């Protein structure tokens, strides 16, 4: 975890008393894709997307296409992926509610 946005997200999770996620979790059996944050027992992942307003990697065509490939592969494997931008990180209560809802209503994998 290196970006300021990822550190901010980690502080939100910690301050809310949510279970701590695994960082840089490699979810795919053959590809080197990783999630920024993951709760593997619930197949819940969070991606913190920087550069939305500055033309960052996730908003340029090649980065966007690569992200689509990654997120589609994750969905095929049964993952729920929440994506947050800088703007989203301003609404900490929304993030907390969304994560709490999934952790509460999606049973852990046995």
PDB file of N, CA and C in Angstrom:
ATOM      1  N   UNK A   1       0.871  -1.171   0.000  1.00  0.00           N
ATOM      2  CA  UNK A   1       0.000   0.000   0.000  1.00  0.00           C
ATOM      3  C   UNK A   1       0.906   1.218   0.000  1.00  0.00           C
ATOM      4  N   UNK A   2       0.808   2.030  -1.040  1.00  0.00           N
ATOM      5  CA  UNK A   2       1.711   3.162  -1.128  1.00  0.00           C
ATOM      6  C   UNK A   2       1.017   4.494  -1.338  1.00  0.00           C
ATOM      7  N   UNK A   3      -0.129   4.501  -1.953  1.00  0.00           N
ATOM      8  CA  UNK A   3      -0.732   5.791  -2.290  1.00  0.00           C
ATOM      9  C   UNK A   3      -1.405   6.425  -1.073  1.00  0.00           C
ATOM     10  N   UNK A   4      -1.496   7.737  -1.120  1.00  0.00           N
ATOM     11  CA  UNK A   4      -2.179   8.471  -0.050  1.00  0.00           C
ATOM     12  C   UNK A   4      -3.650   8.067   0.033  1.00  0.00           C
ATOM     13  N   UNK A   5      -4.254   7.826  -1.132  1.00  0.00           N
ATOM     14  CA  UNK A   5      -5.661   7.425  -1.143  1.00  0.00           C
ATOM     15  C   UNK A   5      -5.845   6.067  -0.458  1.00  0.00           C
ATOM     16  N   UNK A   6      -4.938   5.141  -0.715  1.00  0.00           N
ATOM     17  CA  UNK A   6      -5.032   3.834  -0.076  1.00  0.00           C
ATOM     18  C   UNK A   6      -4.829   3.956   1.430  1.00  0.00           C
ATOM     19  N   UNK A   7      -3.919   4.798   1.851  1.00  0.00           N
ATOM     20  CA  UNK A   7      -3.706   5.009   3.286  1.00  0.00           C
ATOM     21  C   UNK A   7      -4.949   5.634   3.925  1.00  0.00           C
ATOM     22  N   UNK A   8      -5.571   6.554   3.188  1.00  0.00           N
ATOM     23  CA  UNK A   8      -6.798   7.180   3.695  1.00  0.00           C
ATOM     24  C   UNK A   8      -7.901   6.146   3.852  1.00  0.00           C
ATOM     25  N   UNK A   9      -8.062   5.284   2.861  1.00  0.00           N
ATOM     26  CA  UNK A   9      -9.070   4.237   2.950  1.00  0.00           C
ATOM     27  C   UNK A   9      -8.782   3.327   4.153  1.00  0.00           C
ATOM     28  N   UNK A  10      -7.534   2.932   4.343  1.00  0.00           N
ATOM     29  CA  UNK A  10      -7.166   2.057   5.464  1.00  0.00           C
ATOM     30  C   UNK A  10      -7.507   2.712   6.802  1.00  0.00           C
ATOM     31  N   UNK A  11      -7.310   4.017   6.904  1.00  0.00           N
ATOM     32  CA  UNK A  11      -7.660   4.724   8.141  1.00  0.00           C
ATOM     33  C   UNK A  11      -9.171   4.724   8.371  1.00  0.00           C
ATOM     34  N   UNK A  12      -9.943   4.876   7.305  1.00  0.00           N
ATOM     35  CA  UNK A  12     -11.409   4.842   7.413  1.00  0.00           C
ATOM     36  C   UNK A  12     -11.861   3.486   7.957  1.00  0.00           C
ATOM     37  N   UNK A  13     -11.325   2.418   7.394  1.00  0.00           N
ATOM     38  CA  UNK A  13     -11.685   1.063   7.820  1.00  0.00           C
ATOM     39  C   UNK A  13     -11.295   0.843   9.271  1.00  0.00           C
ATOM     40  N   UNK A  14     -10.092   1.233   9.630  1.00  0.00           N
ATOM     41  CA  UNK A  14      -9.600   1.039  10.990  1.00  0.00           C
ATOM     42  C   UNK A  14     -10.423   1.835  12.000  1.00  0.00           C
ATOM     43  N   UNK A  15     -10.688   3.105  11.700  1.00  0.00           N
ATOM     44  CA  UNK A  15     -11.440   3.970  12.616  1.00  0.00           C
ATOM     45  C   UNK A  15     -12.874   3.471  12.812  1.00  0.00           C
ATOM     46  N   UNK A  16     -13.428   2.820  11.803  1.00  0.00           N
ATOM     47  CA  UNK A  16     -14.800   2.315  11.892  1.00  0.00           C
ATOM     48  C   UNK A  16     -14.878   0.994  12.655  1.00  0.00           C
ATOM     49  N   UNK A  17     -13.729   0.420  12.944  1.00  0.00           N
ATOM     50  CA  UNK A  17     -13.719  -0.861  13.642  1.00  0.00           C
ATOM     51  C   UNK A  17     -14.103  -2.036  12.758  1.00  0.00           C
ATOM     52  N   UNK A  18     -14.004  -1.850  11.453  1.00  0.00           N
ATOM     53  CA  UNK A  18     -14.295  -2.943  10.529  1.00  0.00           C
ATOM     54  C   UNK A  18     -13.166  -3.969  10.584  1.00  0.00           C
ATOM     55  N   UNK A  19     -13.459  -5.208  10.238  1.00  0.00           N
ATOM     56  CA  UNK A  19     -12.365  -6.186  10.147  1.00  0.00           C
ATOM     57  C   UNK A  19     -11.311  -5.681   9.169  1.00  0.00           C
ATOM     58  N   UNK A  20     -10.069  -5.891   9.512  1.00  0.00           N
ATOM     59  CA  UNK A  20      -8.993  -5.396   8.653  1.00  0.00           C
ATOM     60  C   UNK A  20      -8.885  -6.248   7.390  1.00  0.00           C
ATOM     61  N   UNK A  21      -8.794  -5.600   6.240  1.00  0.00           N
ATOM     62  CA  UNK A  21      -8.662  -6.347   4.992  1.00  0.00           C
ATOM     63  C   UNK A  21      -7.217  -6.760   4.748  1.00  0.00           C
ATOM     64  N   UNK A  22      -7.050  -7.672   3.827  1.00  0.00           N
ATOM     65  CA  UNK A  22      -5.733  -8.039   3.325  1.00  0.00           C
ATOM     66  C   UNK A  22      -5.381  -7.022   2.249  1.00  0.00           C
ATOM     67  N   UNK A  23      -4.172  -6.515   2.252  1.00  0.00           N
ATOM     68  CA  UNK A  23      -3.760  -5.566   1.222  1.00  0.00           C
ATOM     69  C   UNK A  23      -3.020  -6.295   0.103  1.00  0.00           C
ATOM     70  N   UNK A  24      -3.149  -5.737  -1.090  1.00  0.00           N
ATOM     71  CA  UNK A  24      -2.478  -6.290  -2.275  1.00  0.00           C
ATOM     72  C   UNK A  24      -2.751  -7.790  -2.423  1.00  0.00           C
ATOM     73  N   UNK A  25      -4.025  -8.138  -2.341  1.00  0.00           N
ATOM     74  CA  UNK A  25      -4.427  -9.545  -2.374  1.00  0.00           C
ATOM     75  C   UNK A  25      -4.476 -10.059  -3.808  1.00  0.00           C
ATOM     76  N   UNK A  26      -3.723 -11.101  -4.065  1.00  0.00           N
ATOM     77  CA  UNK A  26      -3.713 -11.721  -5.397  1.00  0.00           C
ATOM     78  C   UNK A  26      -4.871 -12.705  -5.474  1.00  0.00           C
ATOM     79  N   UNK A  27      -5.860 -12.388  -6.303  1.00  0.00           N
ATOM     80  CA  UNK A  27      -7.109 -13.148  -6.329  1.00  0.00           C
ATOM     81  C   UNK A  27      -7.226 -14.143  -7.464  1.00  0.00           C
ATOM     82  N   UNK A  28      -6.437 -13.998  -8.487  1.00  0.00           N
ATOM     83  CA  UNK A  28      -6.600 -14.820  -9.687  1.00  0.00           C
ATOM     84  C   UNK A  28      -5.593 -15.970  -9.680  1.00  0.00           C
ATOM     85  N   UNK A  29      -6.018 -17.165 -10.095  1.00  0.00           N
ATOM     86  CA  UNK A  29      -5.103 -18.306 -10.027  1.00  0.00           C
ATOM     87  C   UNK A  29      -3.923 -18.248 -10.999  1.00  0.00           C
ATOM     88  N   UNK A  30      -4.066 -17.529 -12.117  1.00  0.00           N
ATOM     89  CA  UNK A  30      -2.972 -17.513 -13.090  1.00  0.00           C
ATOM     90  C   UNK A  30      -2.449 -16.114 -13.407  1.00  0.00           C
ATOM     91  N   UNK A  31      -3.293 -15.111 -13.304  1.00  0.00           N
ATOM     92  CA  UNK A  31      -2.864 -13.747 -13.588  1.00  0.00           C
ATOM     93  C   UNK A  31      -2.252 -13.123 -12.338  1.00  0.00           C
ATOM     94  N   UNK A  32      -1.481 -12.082 -12.510  1.00  0.00           N
ATOM     95  CA  UNK A  32      -0.830 -11.437 -11.370  1.00  0.00           C
ATOM     96  C   UNK A  32      -1.658 -10.293 -10.791  1.00  0.00           C
ATOM     97  N   UNK A  33      -2.922 -10.239 -11.133  1.00  0.00           N
ATOM     98  CA  UNK A  33      -3.815  -9.187 -10.640  1.00  0.00           C
ATOM     99  C   UNK A  33      -3.918  -9.232  -9.125  1.00  0.00           C
ATOM    100  N   UNK A  34      -3.988  -8.040  -8.545  1.00  0.00           N
ATOM    101  CA  UNK A  34      -4.175  -7.923  -7.098  1.00  0.00           C
ATOM    102  C   UNK A  34      -5.246  -6.872  -6.837  1.00  0.00           C
ATOM    103  N   UNK A  35      -5.954  -7.054  -5.718  1.00  0.00           N
ATOM    104  CA  UNK A  35      -6.883  -6.041  -5.235  1.00  0.00           C
ATOM    105  C   UNK A  35      -6.137  -5.161  -4.244  1.00  0.00           C
ATOM    106  N   UNK A  36      -6.487  -3.879  -4.199  1.00  0.00           N
ATOM    107  CA  UNK A  36      -5.900  -2.993  -3.193  1.00  0.00           C
ATOM    108  C   UNK A  36      -6.201  -3.510  -1.797  1.00  0.00           C
ATOM    109  N   UNK A  37      -7.453  -3.897  -1.572  1.00  0.00           N
ATOM    110  CA  UNK A  37      -7.902  -4.403  -0.273  1.00  0.00           C
ATOM    111  C   UNK A  37      -8.871  -5.547  -0.521  1.00  0.00           C
ATOM    112  N   UNK A  38      -8.829  -6.562   0.330  1.00  0.00           N
ATOM    113  CA  UNK A  38      -9.752  -7.687   0.156  1.00  0.00           C
ATOM    114  C   UNK A  38     -10.081  -8.337   1.490  1.00  0.00           C
ATOM    115  N   UNK A  39     -11.310  -8.798   1.557  1.00  0.00           N
ATOM    116  CA  UNK A  39     -11.779  -9.658   2.630  1.00  0.00           C
ATOM    117  C   UNK A  39     -12.048 -11.002   1.952  1.00  0.00           C
ATOM    118  N   UNK A  40     -11.013 -11.835   1.804  1.00  0.00           N
ATOM    119  CA  UNK A  40     -11.147 -13.065   1.012  1.00  0.00           C
ATOM    120  C   UNK A  40     -12.258 -14.002   1.478  1.00  0.00           C
ATOM    121  N   UNK A  41     -12.497 -14.081   2.777  1.00  0.00           N
ATOM    122  CA  UNK A  41     -13.546 -14.976   3.271  1.00  0.00           C
ATOM    123  C   UNK A  41     -14.927 -14.586   2.770  1.00  0.00           C
ATOM    124  N   UNK A  42     -15.111 -13.336   2.408  1.00  0.00           N
ATOM    125  CA  UNK A  42     -16.393 -12.842   1.905  1.00  0.00           C
ATOM    126  C   UNK A  42     -16.347 -12.561   0.399  1.00  0.00           C
ATOM    127  N   UNK A  43     -15.186 -12.785  -0.189  1.00  0.00           N
ATOM    128  CA  UNK A  43     -14.963 -12.445  -1.602  1.00  0.00           C
ATOM    129  C   UNK A  43     -15.386 -11.002  -1.883  1.00  0.00           C
ATOM    130  N   UNK A  44     -14.965 -10.115  -0.992  1.00  0.00           N
ATOM    131  CA  UNK A  44     -15.202  -8.677  -1.136  1.00  0.00           C
ATOM    132  C   UNK A  44     -13.863  -8.001  -1.376  1.00  0.00           C
ATOM    133  N   UNK A  45     -13.820  -7.151  -2.381  1.00  0.00           N
ATOM    134  CA  UNK A  45     -12.601  -6.409  -2.684  1.00  0.00           C
ATOM    135  C   UNK A  45     -12.913  -4.929  -2.816  1.00  0.00           C
ATOM    136  N   UNK A  46     -11.912  -4.106  -2.528  1.00  0.00           N
ATOM    137  CA  UNK A  46     -12.011  -2.665  -2.732  1.00  0.00           C
ATOM    138  C   UNK A  46     -10.829  -2.220  -3.570  1.00  0.00           C
ATOM    139  N   UNK A  47     -11.132  -1.443  -4.572  1.00  0.00           N
ATOM    140  CA  UNK A  47     -10.118  -0.809  -5.400  1.00  0.00           C
ATOM    141  C   UNK A  47     -10.225   0.689  -5.199  1.00  0.00           C
ATOM    142  N   UNK A  48      -9.120   1.328  -4.866  1.00  0.00           N
ATOM    143  CA  UNK A  48      -9.076   2.778  -4.702  1.00  0.00           C
ATOM    144  C   UNK A  48      -8.507   3.339  -5.999  1.00  0.00           C
ATOM    145  N   UNK A  49      -9.360   4.041  -6.737  1.00  0.00           N
ATOM    146  CA  UNK A  49      -9.026   4.509  -8.078  1.00  0.00           C
ATOM    147  C   UNK A  49      -8.570   5.960  -8.053  1.00  0.00           C
ATOM    148  N   UNK A  50      -7.303   6.158  -8.199  1.00  0.00           N
ATOM    149  CA  UNK A  50      -6.773   7.513  -8.246  1.00  0.00           C
ATOM    150  C   UNK A  50      -6.803   8.078  -9.660  1.00  0.00           C
ATOM    151  N   UNK A  51      -6.608   9.364  -9.766  1.00  0.00           N
ATOM    152  CA  UNK A  51      -6.457  10.011 -11.068  1.00  0.00           C
ATOM    153  C   UNK A  51      -7.721  10.204 -11.870  1.00  0.00           C
ATOM    154  N   UNK A  52      -8.887  10.081 -11.248  1.00  0.00           N
ATOM    155  CA  UNK A  52     -10.135  10.229 -11.997  1.00  0.00           C
ATOM    156  C   UNK A  52     -10.267  11.611 -12.634  1.00  0.00           C
ATOM    157  N   UNK A  53      -9.745  12.628 -11.973  1.00  0.00           N
ATOM    158  CA  UNK A  53      -9.887  14.005 -12.462  1.00  0.00           C
ATOM    159  C   UNK A  53      -8.629  14.517 -13.134  1.00  0.00           C
ATOM    160  N   UNK A  54      -7.572  13.718 -13.115  1.00  0.00           N
ATOM    161  CA  UNK A  54      -6.292  14.203 -13.650  1.00  0.00           C
ATOM    162  C   UNK A  54      -5.791  13.394 -14.827  1.00  0.00           C
ATOM    163  N   UNK A  55      -6.647  12.546 -15.381  1.00  0.00           N
ATOM    164  CA  UNK A  55      -6.226  11.730 -16.524  1.00  0.00           C
ATOM    165  C   UNK A  55      -5.287  10.613 -16.118  1.00  0.00           C
ATOM    166  N   UNK A  56      -5.502  10.059 -14.940  1.00  0.00           N
ATOM    167  CA  UNK A  56      -4.650   8.974 -14.450  1.00  0.00           C
ATOM    168  C   UNK A  56      -4.844   7.684 -15.227  1.00  0.00           C
ATOM    169  N   UNK A  57      -4.082   6.688 -14.860  1.00  0.00           N
ATOM    170  CA  UNK A  57      -4.058   5.415 -15.558  1.00  0.00           C
ATOM    171  C   UNK A  57      -5.441   4.787 -15.721  1.00  0.00           C
ATOM    172  N   UNK A  58      -6.280   4.903 -14.710  1.00  0.00           N
ATOM    173  CA  UNK A  58      -7.589   4.250 -14.758  1.00  0.00           C
ATOM    174  C   UNK A  58      -8.560   4.929 -15.715  1.00  0.00           C
ATOM    175  N   UNK A  59      -8.261   6.143 -16.142  1.00  0.00           N
ATOM    176  CA  UNK A  59      -9.179   6.853 -17.036  1.00  0.00           C
ATOM    177  C   UNK A  59      -8.671   6.916 -18.477  1.00  0.00           C
ATOM    178  N   UNK A  60      -7.443   6.514 -18.706  1.00  0.00           N
ATOM    179  CA  UNK A  60      -6.947   6.440 -20.086  1.00  0.00           C
ATOM    180  C   UNK A  60      -7.397   5.124 -20.698  1.00  0.00           C
ATOM    181  N   UNK A  61      -7.534   5.091 -22.006  1.00  0.00           N
ATOM    182  CA  UNK A  61      -8.137   3.941 -22.691  1.00  0.00           C
ATOM    183  C   UNK A  61      -7.493   2.612 -22.317  1.00  0.00           C
ATOM    184  N   UNK A  62      -6.188   2.497 -22.400  1.00  0.00           N
ATOM    185  CA  UNK A  62      -5.549   1.199 -22.130  1.00  0.00           C
ATOM    186  C   UNK A  62      -5.735   0.779 -20.677  1.00  0.00           C
ATOM    187  N   UNK A  63      -5.649   1.719 -19.751  1.00  0.00           N
ATOM    188  CA  UNK A  63      -5.856   1.397 -18.338  1.00  0.00           C
ATOM    189  C   UNK A  63      -7.289   1.006 -18.055  1.00  0.00           C
ATOM    190  N   UNK A  64      -8.219   1.704 -18.691  1.00  0.00           N
ATOM    191  CA  UNK A  64      -9.636   1.394 -18.508  1.00  0.00           C
ATOM    192  C   UNK A  64      -9.948  -0.009 -19.012  1.00  0.00           C
ATOM    193  N   UNK A  65      -9.436  -0.343 -20.198  1.00  0.00           N
ATOM    194  CA  UNK A  65      -9.664  -1.670 -20.771  1.00  0.00           C
ATOM    195  C   UNK A  65      -9.064  -2.751 -19.869  1.00  0.00           C
ATOM    196  N   UNK A  66      -7.854  -2.519 -19.373  1.00  0.00           N
ATOM    197  CA  UNK A  66      -7.206  -3.491 -18.481  1.00  0.00           C
ATOM    198  C   UNK A  66      -8.011  -3.667 -17.191  1.00  0.00           C
ATOM    199  N   UNK A  67      -8.536  -2.563 -16.660  1.00  0.00           N
ATOM    200  CA  UNK A  67      -9.370  -2.654 -15.464  1.00  0.00           C
ATOM    201  C   UNK A  67     -10.637  -3.461 -15.736  1.00  0.00           C
ATOM    202  N   UNK A  68     -11.250  -3.262 -16.905  1.00  0.00           N
ATOM    203  CA  UNK A  68     -12.440  -4.035 -17.263  1.00  0.00           C
ATOM    204  C   UNK A  68     -12.113  -5.530 -17.285  1.00  0.00           C
ATOM    205  N   UNK A  69     -10.988  -5.889 -17.874  1.00  0.00           N
ATOM    206  CA  UNK A  69     -10.584  -7.299 -17.905  1.00  0.00           C
ATOM    207  C   UNK A  69     -10.440  -7.852 -16.489  1.00  0.00           C
ATOM    208  N   UNK A  70      -9.776  -7.103 -15.632  1.00  0.00           N
ATOM    209  CA  UNK A  70      -9.549  -7.533 -14.250  1.00  0.00           C
ATOM    210  C   UNK A  70     -10.871  -7.684 -13.498  1.00  0.00           C
ATOM    211  N   UNK A  71     -11.743  -6.687 -13.581  1.00  0.00           N
ATOM    212  CA  UNK A  71     -12.992  -6.722 -12.832  1.00  0.00           C
ATOM    213  C   UNK A  71     -13.950  -7.777 -13.370  1.00  0.00           C
ATOM    214  N   UNK A  72     -13.943  -8.009 -14.676  1.00  0.00           N
ATOM    215  CA  UNK A  72     -14.773  -9.070 -15.236  1.00  0.00           C
ATOM    216  C   UNK A  72     -14.281 -10.442 -14.776  1.00  0.00           C
ATOM    217  N   UNK A  73     -12.972 -10.633 -14.764  1.00  0.00           N
ATOM    218  CA  UNK A  73     -12.417 -11.903 -14.273  1.00  0.00           C
ATOM    219  C   UNK A  73     -12.772 -12.107 -12.804  1.00  0.00           C
ATOM    220  N   UNK A  74     -12.718 -11.040 -12.021  1.00  0.00           N
ATOM    221  CA  UNK A  74     -13.074 -11.127 -10.606  1.00  0.00           C
ATOM    222  C   UNK A  74     -14.543 -11.530 -10.449  1.00  0.00           C
ATOM    223  N   UNK A  75     -15.418 -10.934 -11.249  1.00  0.00           N
ATOM    224  CA  UNK A  75     -16.843 -11.262 -11.178  1.00  0.00           C
ATOM    225  C   UNK A  75     -17.082 -12.725 -11.540  1.00  0.00           C
ATOM    226  N   UNK A  76     -16.396 -13.214 -12.545  1.00  0.00           N
ATOM    227  CA  UNK A  76     -16.536 -14.620 -12.945  1.00  0.00           C
ATOM    228  C   UNK A  76     -16.139 -15.544 -11.794  1.00  0.00           C
ATOM    229  N   UNK A  77     -15.162 -15.114 -11.002  1.00  0.00           N
ATOM    230  CA  UNK A  77     -14.703 -15.911  -9.857  1.00  0.00           C
ATOM    231  C   UNK A  77     -15.545 -15.669  -8.597  1.00  0.00           C
ATOM    232  N   UNK A  78     -16.599 -14.850  -8.721  1.00  0.00           N
ATOM    233  CA  UNK A  78     -17.523 -14.647  -7.612  1.00  0.00           C
ATOM    234  C   UNK A  78     -17.193 -13.488  -6.678  1.00  0.00           C
ATOM    235  N   UNK A  79     -16.293 -12.605  -7.069  1.00  0.00           N
ATOM    236  CA  UNK A  79     -15.918 -11.465  -6.229  1.00  0.00           C
ATOM    237  C   UNK A  79     -16.883 -10.305  -6.416  1.00  0.00           C
ATOM    238  N   UNK A  80     -17.091  -9.565  -5.324  1.00  0.00           N
ATOM    239  CA  UNK A  80     -17.782  -8.270  -5.359  1.00  0.00           C
ATOM    240  C   UNK A  80     -16.689  -7.219  -5.223  1.00  0.00           C
ATOM    241  N   UNK A  81     -16.642  -6.301  -6.164  1.00  0.00           N
ATOM    242  CA  UNK A  81     -15.591  -5.286  -6.155  1.00  0.00           C
ATOM    243  C   UNK A  81     -16.232  -3.911  -5.998  1.00  0.00           C
ATOM    244  N   UNK A  82     -15.878  -3.241  -4.912  1.00  0.00           N
ATOM    245  CA  UNK A  82     -16.297  -1.856  -4.702  1.00  0.00           C
ATOM    246  C   UNK A  82     -15.147  -0.969  -5.156  1.00  0.00           C
ATOM    247  N   UNK A  83     -15.484   0.071  -5.902  1.00  0.00           N
ATOM    248  CA  UNK A  83     -14.463   0.981  -6.428  1.00  0.00           C
ATOM    249  C   UNK A  83     -14.720   2.366  -5.867  1.00  0.00           C
ATOM    250  N   UNK A  84     -13.663   2.969  -5.310  1.00  0.00           N
ATOM    251  CA  UNK A  84     -13.788   4.295  -4.719  1.00  0.00           C
ATOM    252  C   UNK A  84     -12.750   5.242  -5.313  1.00  0.00           C
ATOM    253  N   UNK A  85     -13.219   6.444  -5.630  1.00  0.00           N
ATOM    254  CA  UNK A  85     -12.342   7.513  -6.108  1.00  0.00           C
ATOM    255  C   UNK A  85     -12.079   8.489  -4.963  1.00  0.00           C
ATOM    256  N   UNK A  86     -11.280   9.485  -5.237  1.00  0.00           N
ATOM    257  CA  UNK A  86     -11.019  10.536  -4.255  1.00  0.00           C
ATOM    258  C   UNK A  86     -12.323  11.135  -3.759  1.00  0.00           C
ATOM    259  N   UNK A  87     -13.242  11.390  -4.667  1.00  0.00           N
ATOM    260  CA  UNK A  87     -14.538  11.967  -4.291  1.00  0.00           C
ATOM    261  C   UNK A  87     -15.294  11.065  -3.324  1.00  0.00           C
ATOM    262  N   UNK A  88     -15.278   9.769  -3.582  1.00  0.00           N
ATOM    263  CA  UNK A  88     -15.976   8.836  -2.700  1.00  0.00           C
ATOM    264  C   UNK A  88     -15.377   8.824  -1.292  1.00  0.00           C
ATOM    265  N   UNK A  89     -14.075   8.970  -1.201  1.00  0.00           N
ATOM    266  CA  UNK A  89     -13.422   8.890   0.106  1.00  0.00           C
ATOM    267  C   UNK A  89     -13.815  10.039   1.026  1.00  0.00           C
ATOM    268  N   UNK A  90     -14.468  11.047   0.485  1.00  0.00           N
ATOM    269  CA  UNK A  90     -14.964  12.150   1.327  1.00  0.00           C
ATOM    270  C   UNK A  90     -16.208  11.742   2.111  1.00  0.00           C
ATOM    271  N   UNK A  91     -16.907  10.726   1.626  1.00  0.00           N
ATOM    272  CA  UNK A  91     -18.124  10.256   2.291  1.00  0.00           C
ATOM    273  C   UNK A  91     -17.811   8.964   3.036  1.00  0.00           C
ATOM    274  N   UNK A  92     -17.140   9.111   4.158  1.00  0.00           N
ATOM    275  CA  UNK A  92     -16.687   7.948   4.915  1.00  0.00           C
ATOM    276  C   UNK A  92     -17.841   7.065   5.364  1.00  0.00           C
ATOM    277  N   UNK A  93     -18.959   7.674   5.760  1.00  0.00           N
ATOM    278  CA  UNK A  93     -20.096   6.890   6.250  1.00  0.00           C
ATOM    279  C   UNK A  93     -20.686   6.001   5.153  1.00  0.00           C
ATOM    280  N   UNK A  94     -20.705   6.479   3.936  1.00  0.00           N
ATOM    281  CA  UNK A  94     -21.189   5.669   2.825  1.00  0.00           C
ATOM    282  C   UNK A  94     -20.302   4.443   2.646  1.00  0.00           C
ATOM    283  N   UNK A  95     -19.002   4.650   2.649  1.00  0.00           N
ATOM    284  CA  UNK A  95     -18.057   3.541   2.493  1.00  0.00           C
ATOM    285  C   UNK A  95     -18.245   2.529   3.608  1.00  0.00           C
ATOM    286  N   UNK A  96     -18.322   3.007   4.820  1.00  0.00           N
ATOM    287  CA  UNK A  96     -18.492   2.119   5.976  1.00  0.00           C
ATOM    288  C   UNK A  96     -19.780   1.319   5.856  1.00  0.00           C
ATOM    289  N   UNK A  97     -20.878   1.993   5.512  1.00  0.00           N
ATOM    290  CA  UNK A  97     -22.167   1.298   5.370  1.00  0.00           C
ATOM    291  C   UNK A  97     -22.106   0.222   4.287  1.00  0.00           C
ATOM    292  N   UNK A  98     -21.498   0.542   3.168  1.00  0.00           N
ATOM    293  CA  UNK A  98     -21.437  -0.419   2.076  1.00  0.00           C
ATOM    294  C   UNK A  98     -20.640  -1.654   2.474  1.00  0.00           C
ATOM    295  N   UNK A  99     -19.504  -1.453   3.093  1.00  0.00           N
ATOM    296  CA  UNK A  99     -18.675  -2.587   3.495  1.00  0.00           C
ATOM    297  C   UNK A  99     -19.365  -3.386   4.597  1.00  0.00           C
ATOM    298  N   UNK A 100     -19.927  -2.690   5.586  1.00  0.00           N
ATOM    299  CA  UNK A 100     -20.642  -3.387   6.663  1.00  0.00           C
ATOM    300  C   UNK A 100     -21.780  -4.234   6.115  1.00  0.00           C
ATOM    301  N   UNK A 101     -22.517  -3.698   5.155  1.00  0.00           N
ATOM    302  CA  UNK A 101     -23.649  -4.421   4.583  1.00  0.00           C
ATOM    303  C   UNK A 101     -23.194  -5.721   3.943  1.00  0.00           C
ATOM    304  N   UNK A 102     -22.138  -5.660   3.151  1.00  0.00           N
ATOM    305  CA  UNK A 102     -21.664  -6.883   2.502  1.00  0.00           C
ATOM    306  C   UNK A 102     -21.126  -7.870   3.536  1.00  0.00           C
ATOM    307  N   UNK A 103     -20.323  -7.388   4.471  1.00  0.00           N
ATOM    308  CA  UNK A 103     -19.761  -8.299   5.473  1.00  0.00           C
ATOM    309  C   UNK A 103     -20.859  -8.934   6.336  1.00  0.00           C
ATOM    310  N   UNK A 104     -21.953  -8.210   6.541  1.00  0.00           N
ATOM    311  CA  UNK A 104     -23.043  -8.721   7.367  1.00  0.00           C
ATOM    312  C   UNK A 104     -23.919  -9.725   6.610  1.00  0.00           C
ATOM    313  N   UNK A 105     -24.219  -9.432   5.359  1.00  0.00           N
ATOM    314  CA  UNK A 105     -25.195 -10.229   4.638  1.00  0.00           C
ATOM    315  C   UNK A 105     -24.616 -11.268   3.681  1.00  0.00           C
ATOM    316  N   UNK A 106     -23.333 -11.226   3.440  1.00  0.00           N
ATOM    317  CA  UNK A 106     -22.711 -12.235   2.582  1.00  0.00           C
ATOM    318  C   UNK A 106     -21.926 -13.176   3.494  1.00  0.00           C
ATOM    319  N   UNK A 107     -22.406 -14.396   3.638  1.00  0.00           N
ATOM    320  CA  UNK A 107     -21.728 -15.307   4.566  1.00  0.00           C
ATOM    321  C   UNK A 107     -20.306 -15.613   4.108  1.00  0.00           C
ATOM    322  N   UNK A 108     -19.423 -15.836   5.064  1.00  0.00           N
ATOM    323  CA  UNK A 108     -18.057 -16.201   4.703  1.00  0.00           C
ATOM    324  C   UNK A 108     -18.052 -17.529   3.946  1.00  0.00           C
ATOM    325  N   UNK A 109     -17.062 -17.697   3.121  1.00  0.00           N
ATOM    326  CA  UNK A 109     -16.897 -18.942   2.375  1.00  0.00           C
ATOM    327  C   UNK A 109     -16.439 -20.017   3.355  1.00  0.00           C
ATOM    328  N   UNK A 110     -17.077 -21.136   3.286  1.00  0.00           N
ATOM    329  CA  UNK A 110     -16.735 -22.230   4.218  1.00  0.00           C
ATOM    330  C   UNK A 110     -15.484 -22.962   3.787  1.00  0.00           C
TER     331      UNK A 110
END
